Amino acid sequence: MSDISGTELNELQALRVAVRDHQDVDGDRQIDIAPEELAALKTVNNLVSLTVYYPDGKTVDLYAVASEVNKWIPLDNLKQADNLRGRRKNAAPGLD
């Protein structure tokens, strides 16, 4: 059954959608929908996910459109930035 319309779904065509980080819902949820029901949702393309790490250990996840991120930091600088995996450039062992 579709969680949107209540119509019976073909098991081979039904979509399962994970809904995460909705500010009005406590925790993540999953729903079943028909493919045509997804087409009715207005979406945003080219989102960039940012995680801000504060010195006190707090983290905040932010989302911005890629064009805004490109205005914020030059793309060449971003391409040269450290990868999240592995050691940071110029890091001394035991000091990072």
PDB file of N, CA and C in Angstrom:
ATOM      1  N   MET A   1       0.842  -1.184   0.000  1.00  0.00           N
ATOM      2  CA  MET A   1       0.000   0.000   0.000  1.00  0.00           C
ATOM      3  C   MET A   1       0.885   1.245   0.000  1.00  0.00           C
ATOM      4  N   SER A   2       0.478   2.225  -0.776  1.00  0.00           N
ATOM      5  CA  SER A   2       1.192   3.494  -0.792  1.00  0.00           C
ATOM      6  C   SER A   2       0.912   4.258   0.489  1.00  0.00           C
ATOM      7  N   ASP A   3       1.985   4.752   1.108  1.00  0.00           N
ATOM      8  CA  ASP A   3       1.830   5.574   2.305  1.00  0.00           C
ATOM      9  C   ASP A   3       1.339   6.980   1.968  1.00  0.00           C
ATOM     10  N   ILE A   4       1.340   7.334   0.681  1.00  0.00           N
ATOM     11  CA  ILE A   4       0.852   8.650   0.259  1.00  0.00           C
ATOM     12  C   ILE A   4      -0.620   8.590  -0.112  1.00  0.00           C
ATOM     13  N   SER A   5      -0.967   7.685  -1.019  1.00  0.00           N
ATOM     14  CA  SER A   5      -2.339   7.656  -1.542  1.00  0.00           C
ATOM     15  C   SER A   5      -3.199   6.538  -0.963  1.00  0.00           C
ATOM     16  N   GLY A   6      -2.568   5.544  -0.353  1.00  0.00           N
ATOM     17  CA  GLY A   6      -3.319   4.414   0.175  1.00  0.00           C
ATOM     18  C   GLY A   6      -3.688   3.384  -0.878  1.00  0.00           C
ATOM     19  N   THR A   7      -3.244   3.585  -2.119  1.00  0.00           N
ATOM     20  CA  THR A   7      -3.551   2.626  -3.184  1.00  0.00           C
ATOM     21  C   THR A   7      -2.638   1.412  -3.080  1.00  0.00           C
ATOM     22  N   GLU A   8      -3.145   0.282  -3.582  1.00  0.00           N
ATOM     23  CA  GLU A   8      -2.363  -0.946  -3.570  1.00  0.00           C
ATOM     24  C   GLU A   8      -1.239  -0.838  -4.587  1.00  0.00           C
ATOM     25  N   LEU A   9      -0.054  -1.267  -4.203  1.00  0.00           N
ATOM     26  CA  LEU A   9       1.111  -1.176  -5.074  1.00  0.00           C
ATOM     27  C   LEU A   9       1.504  -2.527  -5.623  1.00  0.00           C
ATOM     28  N   ASN A  10       1.996  -2.533  -6.861  1.00  0.00           N
ATOM     29  CA  ASN A  10       2.583  -3.719  -7.454  1.00  0.00           C
ATOM     30  C   ASN A  10       3.928  -3.919  -6.769  1.00  0.00           C
ATOM     31  N   GLU A  11       4.137  -5.058  -6.175  1.00  0.00           N
ATOM     32  CA  GLU A  11       5.358  -5.349  -5.409  1.00  0.00           C
ATOM     33  C   GLU A  11       6.631  -5.161  -6.229  1.00  0.00           C
ATOM     34  N   LEU A  12       6.568  -5.381  -7.535  1.00  0.00           N
ATOM     35  CA  LEU A  12       7.741  -5.271  -8.394  1.00  0.00           C
ATOM     36  C   LEU A  12       8.033  -3.839  -8.816  1.00  0.00           C
ATOM     37  N   GLN A  13       7.076  -2.923  -8.588  1.00  0.00           N
ATOM     38  CA  GLN A  13       7.273  -1.537  -8.993  1.00  0.00           C
ATOM     39  C   GLN A  13       7.303  -0.559  -7.818  1.00  0.00           C
ATOM     40  N   ALA A  14       6.895  -1.003  -6.650  1.00  0.00           N
ATOM     41  CA  ALA A  14       6.830  -0.114  -5.486  1.00  0.00           C
ATOM     42  C   ALA A  14       8.209   0.406  -5.120  1.00  0.00           C
ATOM     43  N   LEU A  15       8.258   1.649  -4.711  1.00  0.00           N
ATOM     44  CA  LEU A  15       9.511   2.267  -4.284  1.00  0.00           C
ATOM     45  C   LEU A  15       9.514   2.395  -2.768  1.00  0.00           C
ATOM     46  N   ARG A  16      10.658   2.139  -2.164  1.00  0.00           N
ATOM     47  CA  ARG A  16      10.837   2.379  -0.730  1.00  0.00           C
ATOM     48  C   ARG A  16      11.685   3.632  -0.618  1.00  0.00           C
ATOM     49  N   VAL A  17      11.222   4.598   0.153  1.00  0.00           N
ATOM     50  CA  VAL A  17      11.916   5.875   0.292  1.00  0.00           C
ATOM     51  C   VAL A  17      12.299   6.078   1.752  1.00  0.00           C
ATOM     52  N   ALA A  18      13.571   6.352   1.998  1.00  0.00           N
ATOM     53  CA  ALA A  18      14.042   6.686   3.343  1.00  0.00           C
ATOM     54  C   ALA A  18      13.925   8.198   3.511  1.00  0.00           C
ATOM     55  N   VAL A  19      13.288   8.626   4.584  1.00  0.00           N
ATOM     56  CA  VAL A  19      13.140  10.046   4.884  1.00  0.00           C
ATOM     57  C   VAL A  19      13.987  10.326   6.116  1.00  0.00           C
ATOM     58  N   ARG A  20      15.015  11.148   5.932  1.00  0.00           N
ATOM     59  CA  ARG A  20      15.964  11.427   7.013  1.00  0.00           C
ATOM     60  C   ARG A  20      16.003  12.923   7.318  1.00  0.00           C
ATOM     61  N   ASP A  21      16.298  13.234   8.549  1.00  0.00           N
ATOM     62  CA  ASP A  21      16.573  14.608   8.970  1.00  0.00           C
ATOM     63  C   ASP A  21      15.413  15.568   8.732  1.00  0.00           C
ATOM     64  N   HIS A  22      14.186  15.087   8.857  1.00  0.00           N
ATOM     65  CA  HIS A  22      13.031  15.978   8.751  1.00  0.00           C
ATOM     66  C   HIS A  22      12.849  16.660  10.095  1.00  0.00           C
ATOM     67  N   GLN A  23      12.823  17.974  10.109  1.00  0.00           N
ATOM     68  CA  GLN A  23      12.809  18.708  11.374  1.00  0.00           C
ATOM     69  C   GLN A  23      11.550  18.489  12.205  1.00  0.00           C
ATOM     70  N   ASP A  24      10.464  18.041  11.603  1.00  0.00           N
ATOM     71  CA  ASP A  24       9.212  17.848  12.334  1.00  0.00           C
ATOM     72  C   ASP A  24       8.942  16.392  12.716  1.00  0.00           C
ATOM     73  N   VAL A  25       9.908  15.507  12.474  1.00  0.00           N
ATOM     74  CA  VAL A  25       9.734  14.088  12.761  1.00  0.00           C
ATOM     75  C   VAL A  25      10.891  13.620  13.632  1.00  0.00           C
ATOM     76  N   ASP A  26      10.563  12.879  14.674  1.00  0.00           N
ATOM     77  CA  ASP A  26      11.592  12.362  15.577  1.00  0.00           C
ATOM     78  C   ASP A  26      12.169  11.085  14.983  1.00  0.00           C
ATOM     79  N   GLY A  27      13.359  11.145  14.441  1.00  0.00           N
ATOM     80  CA  GLY A  27      14.016   9.976  13.857  1.00  0.00           C
ATOM     81  C   GLY A  27      13.737   9.817  12.377  1.00  0.00           C
ATOM     82  N   ASP A  28      14.455   8.909  11.766  1.00  0.00           N
ATOM     83  CA  ASP A  28      14.313   8.619  10.342  1.00  0.00           C
ATOM     84  C   ASP A  28      13.132   7.693  10.119  1.00  0.00           C
ATOM     85  N   ARG A  29      12.531   7.781   8.945  1.00  0.00           N
ATOM     86  CA  ARG A  29      11.361   6.965   8.605  1.00  0.00           C
ATOM     87  C   ARG A  29      11.521   6.385   7.209  1.00  0.00           C
ATOM     88  N   GLN A  30      10.693   5.374   6.878  1.00  0.00           N
ATOM     89  CA  GLN A  30      10.660   4.844   5.521  1.00  0.00           C
ATOM     90  C   GLN A  30       9.210   4.709   5.089  1.00  0.00           C
ATOM     91  N   ILE A  31       8.974   4.989   3.811  1.00  0.00           N
ATOM     92  CA  ILE A  31       7.627   4.899   3.261  1.00  0.00           C
ATOM     93  C   ILE A  31       7.660   4.108   1.967  1.00  0.00           C
ATOM     94  N   ASP A  32       6.515   3.569   1.580  1.00  0.00           N
ATOM     95  CA  ASP A  32       6.340   2.883   0.307  1.00  0.00           C
ATOM     96  C   ASP A  32       5.472   3.764  -0.574  1.00  0.00           C
ATOM     97  N   ILE A  33       5.888   3.928  -1.841  1.00  0.00           N
ATOM     98  CA  ILE A  33       5.136   4.773  -2.768  1.00  0.00           C
ATOM     99  C   ILE A  33       5.166   4.172  -4.166  1.00  0.00           C
ATOM    100  N   ALA A  34       4.283   4.681  -5.014  1.00  0.00           N
ATOM    101  CA  ALA A  34       4.278   4.325  -6.428  1.00  0.00           C
ATOM    102  C   ALA A  34       5.256   5.247  -7.161  1.00  0.00           C
ATOM    103  N   PRO A  35       5.869   4.785  -8.251  1.00  0.00           N
ATOM    104  CA  PRO A  35       6.821   5.621  -8.985  1.00  0.00           C
ATOM    105  C   PRO A  35       6.250   6.981  -9.389  1.00  0.00           C
ATOM    106  N   GLU A  36       4.999   7.020  -9.804  1.00  0.00           N
ATOM    107  CA  GLU A  36       4.407   8.292 -10.236  1.00  0.00           C
ATOM    108  C   GLU A  36       4.216   9.271  -9.072  1.00  0.00           C
ATOM    109  N   GLU A  37       4.140   8.752  -7.858  1.00  0.00           N
ATOM    110  CA  GLU A  37       4.019   9.630  -6.694  1.00  0.00           C
ATOM    111  C   GLU A  37       5.326  10.369  -6.415  1.00  0.00           C
ATOM    112  N   LEU A  38       6.443   9.760  -6.767  1.00  0.00           N
ATOM    113  CA  LEU A  38       7.732  10.414  -6.595  1.00  0.00           C
ATOM    114  C   LEU A  38       7.849  11.610  -7.535  1.00  0.00           C
ATOM    115  N   ALA A  39       7.291  11.495  -8.726  1.00  0.00           N
ATOM    116  CA  ALA A  39       7.373  12.572  -9.711  1.00  0.00           C
ATOM    117  C   ALA A  39       6.698  13.850  -9.219  1.00  0.00           C
ATOM    118  N   ALA A  40       5.760  13.748  -8.289  1.00  0.00           N
ATOM    119  CA  ALA A  40       5.050  14.921  -7.776  1.00  0.00           C
ATOM    120  C   ALA A  40       5.867  15.723  -6.769  1.00  0.00           C
ATOM    121  N   LEU A  41       6.978  15.177  -6.294  1.00  0.00           N
ATOM    122  CA  LEU A  41       7.800  15.848  -5.295  1.00  0.00           C
ATOM    123  C   LEU A  41       8.772  16.813  -5.965  1.00  0.00           C
ATOM    124  N   LYS A  42       8.754  18.077  -5.538  1.00  0.00           N
ATOM    125  CA  LYS A  42       9.723  19.051  -6.045  1.00  0.00           C
ATOM    126  C   LYS A  42      11.035  18.817  -5.301  1.00  0.00           C
ATOM    127  N   THR A  43      12.095  18.591  -6.041  1.00  0.00           N
ATOM    128  CA  THR A  43      13.393  18.297  -5.432  1.00  0.00           C
ATOM    129  C   THR A  43      14.408  19.372  -5.795  1.00  0.00           C
ATOM    130  N   VAL A  44      15.547  19.330  -5.135  1.00  0.00           N
ATOM    131  CA  VAL A  44      16.639  20.256  -5.377  1.00  0.00           C
ATOM    132  C   VAL A  44      17.832  19.435  -5.844  1.00  0.00           C
ATOM    133  N   ASN A  45      18.422  19.853  -6.936  1.00  0.00           N
ATOM    134  CA  ASN A  45      19.604  19.164  -7.462  1.00  0.00           C
ATOM    135  C   ASN A  45      20.870  19.884  -7.017  1.00  0.00           C
ATOM    136  N   ASN A  46      21.974  19.210  -7.147  1.00  0.00           N
ATOM    137  CA  ASN A  46      23.291  19.792  -6.901  1.00  0.00           C
ATOM    138  C   ASN A  46      23.477  20.262  -5.461  1.00  0.00           C
ATOM    139  N   LEU A  47      22.946  19.493  -4.507  1.00  0.00           N
ATOM    140  CA  LEU A  47      23.153  19.831  -3.103  1.00  0.00           C
ATOM    141  C   LEU A  47      24.512  19.337  -2.638  1.00  0.00           C
ATOM    142  N   VAL A  48      25.126  20.126  -1.799  1.00  0.00           N
ATOM    143  CA  VAL A  48      26.401  19.770  -1.181  1.00  0.00           C
ATOM    144  C   VAL A  48      26.139  19.612   0.312  1.00  0.00           C
ATOM    145  N   SER A  49      26.607  18.529   0.883  1.00  0.00           N
ATOM    146  CA  SER A  49      26.457  18.275   2.315  1.00  0.00           C
ATOM    147  C   SER A  49      27.716  18.759   3.030  1.00  0.00           C
ATOM    148  N   LEU A  50      27.528  19.577   4.066  1.00  0.00           N
ATOM    149  CA  LEU A  50      28.640  20.102   4.849  1.00  0.00           C
ATOM    150  C   LEU A  50      28.453  19.679   6.297  1.00  0.00           C
ATOM    151  N   THR A  51      29.508  19.255   6.945  1.00  0.00           N
ATOM    152  CA  THR A  51      29.467  18.989   8.384  1.00  0.00           C
ATOM    153  C   THR A  51      30.441  19.937   9.047  1.00  0.00           C
ATOM    154  N   VAL A  52      29.941  20.721   9.995  1.00  0.00           N
ATOM    155  CA  VAL A  52      30.765  21.683  10.718  1.00  0.00           C
ATOM    156  C   VAL A  52      31.166  21.037  12.043  1.00  0.00           C
ATOM    157  N   TYR A  53      32.461  20.970  12.307  1.00  0.00           N
ATOM    158  CA  TYR A  53      32.997  20.386  13.534  1.00  0.00           C
ATOM    159  C   TYR A  53      33.465  21.516  14.448  1.00  0.00           C
ATOM    160  N   TYR A  54      32.814  21.682  15.584  1.00  0.00           N
ATOM    161  CA  TYR A  54      33.177  22.724  16.546  1.00  0.00           C
ATOM    162  C   TYR A  54      34.232  22.190  17.518  1.00  0.00           C
ATOM    163  N   PRO A  55      35.038  23.076  18.092  1.00  0.00           N
ATOM    164  CA  PRO A  55      36.094  22.641  19.014  1.00  0.00           C
ATOM    165  C   PRO A  55      35.577  21.872  20.227  1.00  0.00           C
ATOM    166  N   ASP A  56      34.323  22.132  20.645  1.00  0.00           N
ATOM    167  CA  ASP A  56      33.778  21.448  21.821  1.00  0.00           C
ATOM    168  C   ASP A  56      33.223  20.060  21.498  1.00  0.00           C
ATOM    169  N   GLY A  57      33.389  19.602  20.224  1.00  0.00           N
ATOM    170  CA  GLY A  57      32.924  18.282  19.827  1.00  0.00           C
ATOM    171  C   GLY A  57      31.560  18.274  19.163  1.00  0.00           C
ATOM    172  N   LYS A  58      30.854  19.380  19.212  1.00  0.00           N
ATOM    173  CA  LYS A  58      29.534  19.482  18.576  1.00  0.00           C
ATOM    174  C   LYS A  58      29.707  19.450  17.061  1.00  0.00           C
ATOM    175  N   THR A  59      28.776  18.810  16.362  1.00  0.00           N
ATOM    176  CA  THR A  59      28.772  18.829  14.902  1.00  0.00           C
ATOM    177  C   THR A  59      27.399  19.265  14.411  1.00  0.00           C
ATOM    178  N   VAL A  60      27.385  19.945  13.281  1.00  0.00           N
ATOM    179  CA  VAL A  60      26.146  20.400  12.660  1.00  0.00           C
ATOM    180  C   VAL A  60      26.223  20.059  11.179  1.00  0.00           C
ATOM    181  N   ASP A  61      25.182  19.422  10.655  1.00  0.00           N
ATOM    182  CA  ASP A  61      25.108  19.125   9.225  1.00  0.00           C
ATOM    183  C   ASP A  61      24.336  20.233   8.528  1.00  0.00           C
ATOM    184  N   LEU A  62      24.902  20.735   7.443  1.00  0.00           N
ATOM    185  CA  LEU A  62      24.287  21.782   6.638  1.00  0.00           C
ATOM    186  C   LEU A  62      24.212  21.315   5.192  1.00  0.00           C
ATOM    187  N   TYR A  63      23.298  21.874   4.444  1.00  0.00           N
ATOM    188  CA  TYR A  63      23.156  21.551   3.025  1.00  0.00           C
ATOM    189  C   TYR A  63      23.072  22.859   2.253  1.00  0.00           C
ATOM    190  N   ALA A  64      23.811  22.944   1.164  1.00  0.00           N
ATOM    191  CA  ALA A  64      23.817  24.141   0.332  1.00  0.00           C
ATOM    192  C   ALA A  64      23.830  23.725  -1.127  1.00  0.00           C
ATOM    193  N   VAL A  65      23.327  24.583  -1.980  1.00  0.00           N
ATOM    194  CA  VAL A  65      23.369  24.351  -3.419  1.00  0.00           C
ATOM    195  C   VAL A  65      24.825  24.532  -3.869  1.00  0.00           C
ATOM    196  N   ALA A  66      25.282  23.687  -4.775  1.00  0.00           N
ATOM    197  CA  ALA A  66      26.680  23.711  -5.218  1.00  0.00           C
ATOM    198  C   ALA A  66      27.108  25.090  -5.701  1.00  0.00           C
ATOM    199  N   SER A  67      26.238  25.800  -6.390  1.00  0.00           N
ATOM    200  CA  SER A  67      26.617  27.130  -6.890  1.00  0.00           C
ATOM    201  C   SER A  67      26.908  28.093  -5.743  1.00  0.00           C
ATOM    202  N   GLU A  68      26.213  27.956  -4.614  1.00  0.00           N
ATOM    203  CA  GLU A  68      26.494  28.806  -3.446  1.00  0.00           C
ATOM    204  C   GLU A  68      27.818  28.424  -2.795  1.00  0.00           C
ATOM    205  N   VAL A  69      28.111  27.120  -2.745  1.00  0.00           N
ATOM    206  CA  VAL A  69      29.396  26.675  -2.205  1.00  0.00           C
ATOM    207  C   VAL A  69      30.524  27.207  -3.086  1.00  0.00           C
ATOM    208  N   ASN A  70      30.326  27.201  -4.394  1.00  0.00           N
ATOM    209  CA  ASN A  70      31.346  27.697  -5.321  1.00  0.00           C
ATOM    210  C   ASN A  70      31.584  29.191  -5.154  1.00  0.00           C
ATOM    211  N   LYS A  71      30.570  29.943  -4.723  1.00  0.00           N
ATOM    212  CA  LYS A  71      30.750  31.372  -4.433  1.00  0.00           C
ATOM    213  C   LYS A  71      31.510  31.554  -3.121  1.00  0.00           C
ATOM    214  N   TRP A  72      31.303  30.633  -2.196  1.00  0.00           N
ATOM    215  CA  TRP A  72      31.855  30.706  -0.854  1.00  0.00           C
ATOM    216  C   TRP A  72      33.337  30.367  -0.818  1.00  0.00           C
ATOM    217  N   ILE A  73      33.726  29.309  -1.542  1.00  0.00           N
ATOM    218  CA  ILE A  73      35.128  28.895  -1.610  1.00  0.00           C
ATOM    219  C   ILE A  73      35.486  28.651  -3.073  1.00  0.00           C
ATOM    220  N   PRO A  74      36.583  29.212  -3.549  1.00  0.00           N
ATOM    221  CA  PRO A  74      36.977  28.970  -4.937  1.00  0.00           C
ATOM    222  C   PRO A  74      37.123  27.468  -5.206  1.00  0.00           C
ATOM    223  N   LEU A  75      36.616  27.022  -6.323  1.00  0.00           N
ATOM    224  CA  LEU A  75      36.637  25.603  -6.665  1.00  0.00           C
ATOM    225  C   LEU A  75      38.057  25.040  -6.683  1.00  0.00           C
ATOM    226  N   ASP A  76      39.024  25.812  -7.148  1.00  0.00           N
ATOM    227  CA  ASP A  76      40.415  25.338  -7.143  1.00  0.00           C
ATOM    228  C   ASP A  76      40.900  25.080  -5.714  1.00  0.00           C
ATOM    229  N   ASN A  77      40.527  25.952  -4.777  1.00  0.00           N
ATOM    230  CA  ASN A  77      40.908  25.748  -3.380  1.00  0.00           C
ATOM    231  C   ASN A  77      40.276  24.475  -2.834  1.00  0.00           C
ATOM    232  N   LEU A  78      39.007  24.246  -3.168  1.00  0.00           N
ATOM    233  CA  LEU A  78      38.314  23.060  -2.685  1.00  0.00           C
ATOM    234  C   LEU A  78      38.944  21.789  -3.251  1.00  0.00           C
ATOM    235  N   LYS A  79      39.295  21.817  -4.524  1.00  0.00           N
ATOM    236  CA  LYS A  79      39.914  20.641  -5.144  1.00  0.00           C
ATOM    237  C   LYS A  79      41.269  20.323  -4.519  1.00  0.00           C
ATOM    238  N   GLN A  80      41.977  21.324  -4.012  1.00  0.00           N
ATOM    239  CA  GLN A  80      43.283  21.131  -3.388  1.00  0.00           C
ATOM    240  C   GLN A  80      43.199  20.814  -1.898  1.00  0.00           C
ATOM    241  N   ALA A  81      41.991  20.907  -1.316  1.00  0.00           N
ATOM    242  CA  ALA A  81      41.820  20.665   0.124  1.00  0.00           C
ATOM    243  C   ALA A  81      42.064  19.197   0.460  1.00  0.00           C
ATOM    244  N   ASP A  82      42.375  18.935   1.724  1.00  0.00           N
ATOM    245  CA  ASP A  82      42.614  17.574   2.194  1.00  0.00           C
ATOM    246  C   ASP A  82      41.385  16.696   1.990  1.00  0.00           C
ATOM    247  N   ASN A  83      41.613  15.452   1.634  1.00  0.00           N
ATOM    248  CA  ASN A  83      40.552  14.462   1.539  1.00  0.00           C
ATOM    249  C   ASN A  83      40.139  14.066   2.949  1.00  0.00           C
ATOM    250  N   LEU A  84      38.884  13.714   3.139  1.00  0.00           N
ATOM    251  CA  LEU A  84      38.428  13.291   4.463  1.00  0.00           C
ATOM    252  C   LEU A  84      39.069  11.985   4.903  1.00  0.00           C
ATOM    253  N   ARG A  85      39.498  11.175   3.954  1.00  0.00           N
ATOM    254  CA  ARG A  85      40.137   9.898   4.283  1.00  0.00           C
ATOM    255  C   ARG A  85      41.635  10.095   4.378  1.00  0.00           C
ATOM    256  N   GLY A  86      42.209   9.450   5.341  1.00  0.00           N
ATOM    257  CA  GLY A  86      43.657   9.523   5.480  1.00  0.00           C
ATOM    258  C   GLY A  86      44.109  10.721   6.287  1.00  0.00           C
ATOM    259  N   ARG A  87      45.389  10.887   6.347  1.00  0.00           N
ATOM    260  CA  ARG A  87      46.016  11.931   7.154  1.00  0.00           C
ATOM    261  C   ARG A  87      45.963  13.276   6.430  1.00  0.00           C
ATOM    262  N   ARG A  88      45.832  14.336   7.187  1.00  0.00           N
ATOM    263  CA  ARG A  88      45.845  15.675   6.612  1.00  0.00           C
ATOM    264  C   ARG A  88      47.253  16.028   6.146  1.00  0.00           C
ATOM    265  N   LYS A  89      47.357  16.879   5.136  1.00  0.00           N
ATOM    266  CA  LYS A  89      48.666  17.324   4.648  1.00  0.00           C
ATOM    267  C   LYS A  89      49.410  18.004   5.780  1.00  0.00           C
ATOM    268  N   ASN A  90      50.696  17.841   5.799  1.00  0.00           N
ATOM    269  CA  ASN A  90      51.572  18.473   6.792  1.00  0.00           C
ATOM    270  C   ASN A  90      51.284  18.048   8.223  1.00  0.00           C
ATOM    271  N   ALA A  91      50.592  16.948   8.409  1.00  0.00           N
ATOM    272  CA  ALA A  91      50.301  16.464   9.778  1.00  0.00           C
ATOM    273  C   ALA A  91      51.476  15.628  10.259  1.00  0.00           C
ATOM    274  N   ALA A  92      51.902  15.888  11.475  1.00  0.00           N
ATOM    275  CA  ALA A  92      52.993  15.106  12.059  1.00  0.00           C
ATOM    276  C   ALA A  92      52.397  13.916  12.798  1.00  0.00           C
ATOM    277  N   PRO A  93      52.991  12.721  12.654  1.00  0.00           N
ATOM    278  CA  PRO A  93      52.451  11.535  13.349  1.00  0.00           C
ATOM    279  C   PRO A  93      52.347  11.795  14.854  1.00  0.00           C
ATOM    280  N   GLY A  94      51.198  11.432  15.401  1.00  0.00           N
ATOM    281  CA  GLY A  94      50.978  11.577  16.836  1.00  0.00           C
ATOM    282  C   GLY A  94      50.518  12.963  17.247  1.00  0.00           C
ATOM    283  N   LEU A  95      50.510  13.908  16.309  1.00  0.00           N
ATOM    284  CA  LEU A  95      50.113  15.279  16.644  1.00  0.00           C
ATOM    285  C   LEU A  95      48.829  15.689  15.954  1.00  0.00           C
ATOM    286  N   ASP A  96      48.220  14.824  15.151  1.00  0.00           N
ATOM    287  CA  ASP A  96      47.018  15.232  14.425  1.00  0.00           C
ATOM    288  C   ASP A  96      45.752  14.778  15.083  1.00  0.00           C
TER     289      ASP A  96
END
